[in-house]
Amino acid sequence: MAASEALAIDRLGWADVAGGVALSDAAGWNQTADDWAFFIAAGEAIGVRDDAGRLVASAVALPYEGGVGWIAMVLVDDDHRHRGWATRLVATCVAMLGRAGRASVLDATPAGAEVYRRSGFVAGFAFERWQGELAVTDRAAADCGVDLGDSGELAAMVAIDRSISGVGRAALLGAFAGRPATRAWLDDDRSGFVMTRSGRRATQVGPLIANDDDAALVLVERALAEVAGRVFIDVATHQPALQRALVARGFVRQRPFVRMALAATPVASLVASPRLFAVAGPEFG
């Protein structure tokens, strides 16, 4: 019996948070223990363990409101690659989301996109991860943003987020808001917002939603003024003004992604909304 046949796909539980962090750390990704706890609590997190019980592969199907589910955290450690685990895990996520009546959507690297195309996924809009290093600034006049303990402020951001694609992510934004280091800013007319949160390797900026370039640049400047150290922001490629502003701050492109969905279930999430400037991250959409 081949090694890949001897192992089984299991549902992940709380005891697998550390194993999940170890997998994403080994890949150089930015997910925290809080992220993995959210995947397990809110989604269908699955994986493969070796004979010693160590988590060696993973995938997550995150159900969102609006008939959409996000496939994320498709990871296989070096010693277990090229055995078909990623394909099997993605197929299992697609089946779980399909049984719940949800369209399967994911964000892929160029190499991953080729694999997903062979499985029937079609490409939508593209975005790129930008990376910067920000110095500590004088925070005497700190702009700490909205009160994330205020349910009305959070509800406003959830509504804005849903307005760009019809996908409801109240649980996700609520989970972000509940973390001590998370900050958020609403623009003056409450039609856009930006969030920042801690990651393992960098502070993550996003989502960033605004009515136009000027509003987006004001929001991102407010957010970046409160961040020090390494920063990641996943910018839609149809937003050149934001890209130019990041270049002026010394940011560089790190890697590209493309949003994809199964051809049989096209969804609005594949459409590049002019109000979407930066996504929450490829693991969350």
Protein backbone atom coordinates (compact mmCIF):
# COMPACT_ATOMS: atom_id res chain seq x y z
CA MET A 1 0.00 0.00 0.00
CA ALA A 2 1.38 3.46 -0.93
CA ALA A 3 2.06 5.90 1.88
CA SER A 4 -0.62 8.25 0.56
CA GLU A 5 -3.18 5.46 0.70
CA ALA A 6 -2.27 4.49 4.26
CA LEU A 7 -3.13 7.94 5.61
CA ALA A 8 -6.64 9.37 5.91
CA ILE A 9 -8.24 12.80 5.74
CA ASP A 10 -9.46 13.83 9.20
CA ARG A 11 -11.45 16.71 10.61
CA LEU A 12 -9.23 19.11 12.55
CA GLY A 13 -9.97 20.18 16.12
CA TRP A 14 -8.61 22.57 18.73
CA ALA A 15 -5.63 20.33 19.38
CA ASP A 16 -4.54 20.90 15.77
CA VAL A 17 -4.03 24.68 16.08
CA ALA A 18 -0.33 24.29 16.84
CA GLY A 19 0.10 21.82 13.99
CA GLY A 20 -1.62 24.22 11.62
CA VAL A 21 0.64 27.08 12.68
CA ALA A 22 3.66 24.82 12.14
CA LEU A 23 2.49 24.03 8.59
CA SER A 24 1.90 27.67 7.65
CA ASP A 25 5.16 28.75 9.32
CA ALA A 26 7.09 26.18 7.30
CA ALA A 27 5.55 27.64 4.12
CA GLY A 28 6.50 31.17 5.17
CA TRP A 29 2.87 32.25 5.45
CA ASN A 30 1.45 34.86 7.83
CA GLN A 31 -1.33 33.02 9.71
CA THR A 32 -1.49 33.15 13.50
CA ALA A 33 -2.91 30.78 16.09
CA ASP A 34 -6.00 33.03 16.15
CA ASP A 35 -6.43 32.48 12.41
CA TRP A 36 -6.18 28.71 12.78
CA ALA A 37 -8.63 28.77 15.68
CA PHE A 38 -11.07 30.66 13.45
CA PHE A 39 -10.64 28.14 10.61
CA ILE A 40 -11.45 25.30 13.00
CA ALA A 41 -14.34 27.06 14.76
CA ALA A 42 -16.05 28.67 11.75
CA GLY A 43 -15.08 26.40 8.88
CA GLU A 44 -14.61 22.82 7.82
CA ALA A 45 -10.91 22.34 8.56
CA ILE A 46 -9.47 19.05 7.38
CA GLY A 47 -6.03 17.52 7.22
CA VAL A 48 -3.76 14.52 7.08
CA ARG A 49 -1.60 13.21 9.94
CA ASP A 50 1.43 10.99 9.61
CA ASP A 51 1.93 7.79 11.62
CA ALA A 52 3.27 9.83 14.54
CA GLY A 53 0.14 12.00 14.60
CA ARG A 54 1.86 15.09 13.17
CA LEU A 55 -0.26 17.26 10.86
CA VAL A 56 1.34 17.07 7.41
CA ALA A 57 -1.36 18.51 5.14
CA SER A 58 -4.38 20.77 5.50
CA ALA A 59 -7.23 22.58 3.79
CA VAL A 60 -10.17 24.65 4.99
CA ALA A 61 -13.64 25.32 3.57
CA LEU A 62 -14.96 28.56 5.08
CA PRO A 63 -18.71 29.08 4.68
CA TYR A 64 -19.77 32.68 4.02
CA GLU A 65 -23.25 34.13 3.72
CA GLY A 66 -24.54 34.58 0.20
CA GLY A 67 -23.98 31.07 -1.11
CA VAL A 68 -20.19 31.23 -1.19
CA GLY A 69 -17.48 29.23 0.53
CA TRP A 70 -13.77 29.97 0.61
CA ILE A 71 -11.17 27.24 0.15
CA ALA A 72 -7.97 28.12 1.97
CA MET A 73 -4.86 26.84 3.75
CA VAL A 74 -4.10 24.12 1.19
CA LEU A 75 -0.74 23.09 2.61
CA VAL A 76 1.39 19.96 2.36
CA ASP A 77 4.72 19.60 4.12
CA ASP A 78 7.85 18.90 2.07
CA ASP A 79 8.05 15.20 2.92
CA HIS A 80 4.49 14.48 1.74
CA ARG A 81 4.28 16.44 -1.51
CA HIS A 82 3.63 14.95 -4.96
CA ARG A 83 1.34 12.28 -3.50
CA GLY A 84 -1.95 13.90 -4.54
CA TRP A 85 -2.88 15.24 -1.12
CA ALA A 86 -3.54 18.82 -2.21
CA THR A 87 -5.87 17.63 -5.00
CA ARG A 88 -7.75 15.30 -2.65
CA LEU A 89 -8.09 17.94 0.06
CA VAL A 90 -9.41 20.56 -2.38
CA ALA A 91 -11.87 18.05 -3.85
CA THR A 92 -13.10 17.25 -0.35
CA CYS A 93 -13.61 20.97 0.39
CA VAL A 94 -15.49 21.44 -2.90
CA ALA A 95 -17.76 18.50 -2.04
CA MET A 96 -18.48 19.83 1.46
CA LEU A 97 -19.33 23.30 0.15
CA GLY A 98 -21.41 21.82 -2.67
CA ARG A 99 -23.50 19.78 -0.25
CA ALA A 100 -24.24 23.03 1.61
CA GLY A 101 -25.23 24.79 -1.63
CA ARG A 102 -22.19 27.06 -1.69
CA ALA A 103 -19.99 28.04 -4.62
CA SER A 104 -16.30 27.23 -4.18
CA VAL A 105 -13.98 30.23 -4.42
CA LEU A 106 -10.27 30.53 -3.69
CA ASP A 107 -7.25 32.76 -4.23
CA ALA A 108 -4.36 31.07 -6.02
CA THR A 109 -0.72 31.71 -6.80
CA PRO A 110 0.22 31.35 -10.48
CA ALA A 111 1.50 27.80 -9.91
CA GLY A 112 -1.61 26.85 -7.97
CA ALA A 113 -3.86 28.42 -10.58
CA GLU A 114 -2.67 25.96 -13.21
CA VAL A 115 -3.61 23.06 -10.95
CA TYR A 116 -7.01 24.54 -10.11
CA ARG A 117 -7.80 25.20 -13.78
CA ARG A 118 -7.42 21.49 -14.46
CA SER A 119 -10.02 20.91 -11.73
CA GLY A 120 -12.55 23.22 -13.40
CA PHE A 121 -11.83 26.54 -11.69
CA VAL A 122 -11.94 29.73 -13.76
CA ALA A 123 -9.99 32.94 -13.10
CA GLY A 124 -11.44 36.26 -12.01
CA PHE A 125 -9.61 39.40 -10.94
CA ALA A 126 -5.99 39.54 -9.83
CA PHE A 127 -4.25 41.08 -6.84
CA GLU A 128 -0.70 41.32 -5.57
CA ARG A 129 0.88 41.17 -2.15
CA TRP A 130 2.92 44.27 -1.40
CA GLN A 131 5.47 44.34 1.42
CA GLY A 132 6.93 47.30 3.26
CA GLU A 133 8.98 48.13 6.33
CA LEU A 134 7.72 51.06 8.37
CA ALA A 135 9.69 52.90 11.02
CA VAL A 136 8.31 53.68 14.45
CA THR A 137 6.65 57.09 14.39
CA ASP A 138 5.70 59.61 17.06
CA ARG A 139 2.23 58.59 18.18
CA ALA A 140 1.54 61.65 20.32
CA ALA A 141 -1.53 62.30 18.17
CA ALA A 142 -2.49 58.66 17.70
CA ASP A 143 -5.48 57.89 15.49
CA CYS A 144 -6.59 54.56 16.91
CA GLY A 145 -9.65 54.34 14.69
CA VAL A 146 -13.12 53.14 15.57
CA ASP A 147 -14.17 51.42 18.77
CA LEU A 148 -14.23 47.78 17.73
CA GLY A 149 -16.27 46.96 20.81
CA ASP A 150 -19.11 49.07 19.41
CA SER A 151 -21.52 46.72 17.65
CA GLY A 152 -22.80 49.57 15.47
CA GLU A 153 -19.34 50.35 14.11
CA LEU A 154 -18.70 46.69 13.37
CA ALA A 155 -22.11 46.33 11.71
CA ALA A 156 -21.30 49.29 9.46
CA MET A 157 -18.09 47.61 8.29
CA VAL A 158 -19.84 44.28 7.75
CA ALA A 159 -22.45 46.04 5.58
CA ILE A 160 -19.78 47.86 3.55
CA ASP A 161 -17.87 44.61 3.07
CA ARG A 162 -20.98 42.81 1.85
CA SER A 163 -21.95 45.64 -0.50
CA ILE A 164 -19.08 44.99 -2.92
CA SER A 165 -19.88 41.36 -3.75
CA GLY A 166 -22.94 40.20 -1.82
CA VAL A 167 -20.81 37.92 0.37
CA GLY A 168 -21.52 38.18 4.09
CA ARG A 169 -18.52 37.84 6.40
CA ALA A 170 -19.85 39.01 9.76
CA ALA A 171 -18.18 36.13 11.63
CA LEU A 172 -14.80 36.84 10.03
CA LEU A 173 -14.80 40.58 10.65
CA GLY A 174 -16.12 39.98 14.15
CA ALA A 175 -13.25 37.57 14.82
CA PHE A 176 -10.74 40.12 13.57
CA ALA A 177 -12.33 42.84 15.70
CA GLY A 178 -12.07 40.68 18.82
CA ARG A 179 -8.28 40.48 18.65
CA PRO A 180 -6.45 42.98 20.89
CA ALA A 181 -4.06 44.26 18.20
CA THR A 182 -6.69 44.79 15.47
CA ARG A 183 -7.46 48.36 14.44
CA ALA A 184 -10.01 49.75 11.96
CA TRP A 185 -10.90 53.09 10.41
CA LEU A 186 -14.17 54.16 8.78
CA ASP A 187 -14.15 57.08 6.36
CA ASP A 188 -16.13 60.19 7.17
CA ASP A 189 -19.25 59.27 5.20
CA ARG A 190 -19.11 55.63 6.42
CA SER A 191 -18.94 54.25 2.91
CA GLY A 192 -15.50 52.67 3.27
CA PHE A 193 -13.14 51.22 5.85
CA VAL A 194 -9.76 49.60 6.39
CA MET A 195 -8.58 47.06 8.99
CA THR A 196 -5.15 46.06 10.26
CA ARG A 197 -4.33 42.94 12.27
CA SER A 198 -1.28 41.12 13.56
CA GLY A 199 0.27 38.26 11.59
CA ARG A 200 3.11 35.85 12.28
CA ARG A 201 5.49 37.62 9.90
CA ALA A 202 3.91 41.03 9.34
CA THR A 203 1.00 43.30 10.13
CA GLN A 204 -1.73 42.62 7.57
CA VAL A 205 -3.64 45.59 6.12
CA GLY A 206 -7.04 44.74 4.66
CA PRO A 207 -9.74 44.66 3.70
CA LEU A 208 -9.64 48.18 2.28
CA ILE A 209 -12.85 49.37 0.64
CA ALA A 210 -13.52 52.94 -0.51
CA ASN A 211 -15.60 54.89 -3.00
CA ASP A 212 -12.60 56.34 -4.88
CA ASP A 213 -8.83 56.73 -4.93
CA ASP A 214 -8.78 59.77 -2.66
CA ALA A 215 -10.84 58.08 0.05
CA ALA A 216 -8.76 54.91 -0.17
CA LEU A 217 -5.48 56.80 0.16
CA VAL A 218 -6.73 58.68 3.21
CA LEU A 219 -7.78 55.42 4.87
CA VAL A 220 -4.53 53.59 4.12
CA GLU A 221 -2.45 56.53 5.37
CA ARG A 222 -4.39 56.54 8.64
CA ALA A 223 -3.76 52.83 9.01
CA LEU A 224 -0.06 52.90 8.11
CA ALA A 225 0.55 55.76 10.53
CA GLU A 226 -0.25 53.35 13.35
CA VAL A 227 1.95 50.47 12.15
CA ALA A 228 5.65 49.80 12.68
CA GLY A 229 7.76 47.01 11.21
CA ARG A 230 6.92 44.70 8.33
CA VAL A 231 3.57 45.21 6.60
CA PHE A 232 1.68 43.15 4.02
CA ILE A 233 -1.19 44.52 1.94
CA ASP A 234 -2.90 42.54 -0.85
CA VAL A 235 -3.78 45.16 -3.47
CA ALA A 236 -6.16 44.64 -6.39
CA THR A 237 -4.25 45.13 -9.66
CA HIS A 238 -6.99 47.45 -10.93
CA GLN A 239 -6.03 50.06 -8.30
CA PRO A 240 -2.89 51.79 -9.67
CA ALA A 241 -3.23 54.89 -7.46
CA LEU A 242 -2.85 52.77 -4.32
CA GLN A 243 0.08 50.94 -5.89
CA ARG A 244 1.82 54.25 -6.63
CA ALA A 245 1.25 55.43 -3.07
CA LEU A 246 2.83 52.24 -1.72
CA VAL A 247 5.84 52.57 -4.03
CA ALA A 248 6.32 56.10 -2.68
CA ARG A 249 6.48 54.60 0.81
CA GLY A 250 9.09 52.05 -0.24
CA PHE A 251 6.79 49.03 -0.61
CA VAL A 252 7.67 46.33 -3.14
CA ARG A 253 5.61 43.66 -4.88
CA GLN A 254 6.06 40.28 -3.25
CA ARG A 255 3.86 37.86 -5.24
CA PRO A 256 0.69 37.74 -7.37
CA PHE A 257 -2.62 35.95 -6.82
CA VAL A 258 -5.73 35.33 -8.90
CA ARG A 259 -9.26 34.83 -7.58
CA MET A 260 -10.90 31.68 -8.95
CA ALA A 261 -14.24 29.85 -8.73
CA LEU A 262 -15.64 26.64 -10.13
CA ALA A 263 -16.94 27.23 -13.64
CA ALA A 264 -20.24 25.55 -12.77
CA THR A 265 -20.93 28.10 -10.01
CA PRO A 266 -19.80 31.58 -11.15
CA VAL A 267 -20.16 34.21 -8.44
CA ALA A 268 -19.91 37.97 -8.11
CA SER A 269 -16.75 37.54 -6.04
CA LEU A 270 -14.79 37.06 -9.28
CA VAL A 271 -15.70 40.55 -10.50
CA ALA A 272 -13.21 43.32 -9.78
CA SER A 273 -15.28 45.86 -7.84
CA PRO A 274 -13.97 49.41 -8.35
CA ARG A 275 -14.46 49.96 -4.61
CA LEU A 276 -12.24 47.04 -3.56
CA PHE A 277 -8.67 48.26 -3.06
CA ALA A 278 -7.19 45.51 -0.88
CA VAL A 279 -8.50 42.10 0.17
CA ALA A 280 -8.38 40.63 3.68
CA GLY A 281 -5.82 38.06 2.51
CA PRO A 282 -5.81 35.07 0.17
CA GLU A 283 -6.86 32.80 3.03
CA PHE A 284 -10.00 34.87 3.71
CA GLY A 285 -10.86 36.55 0.40
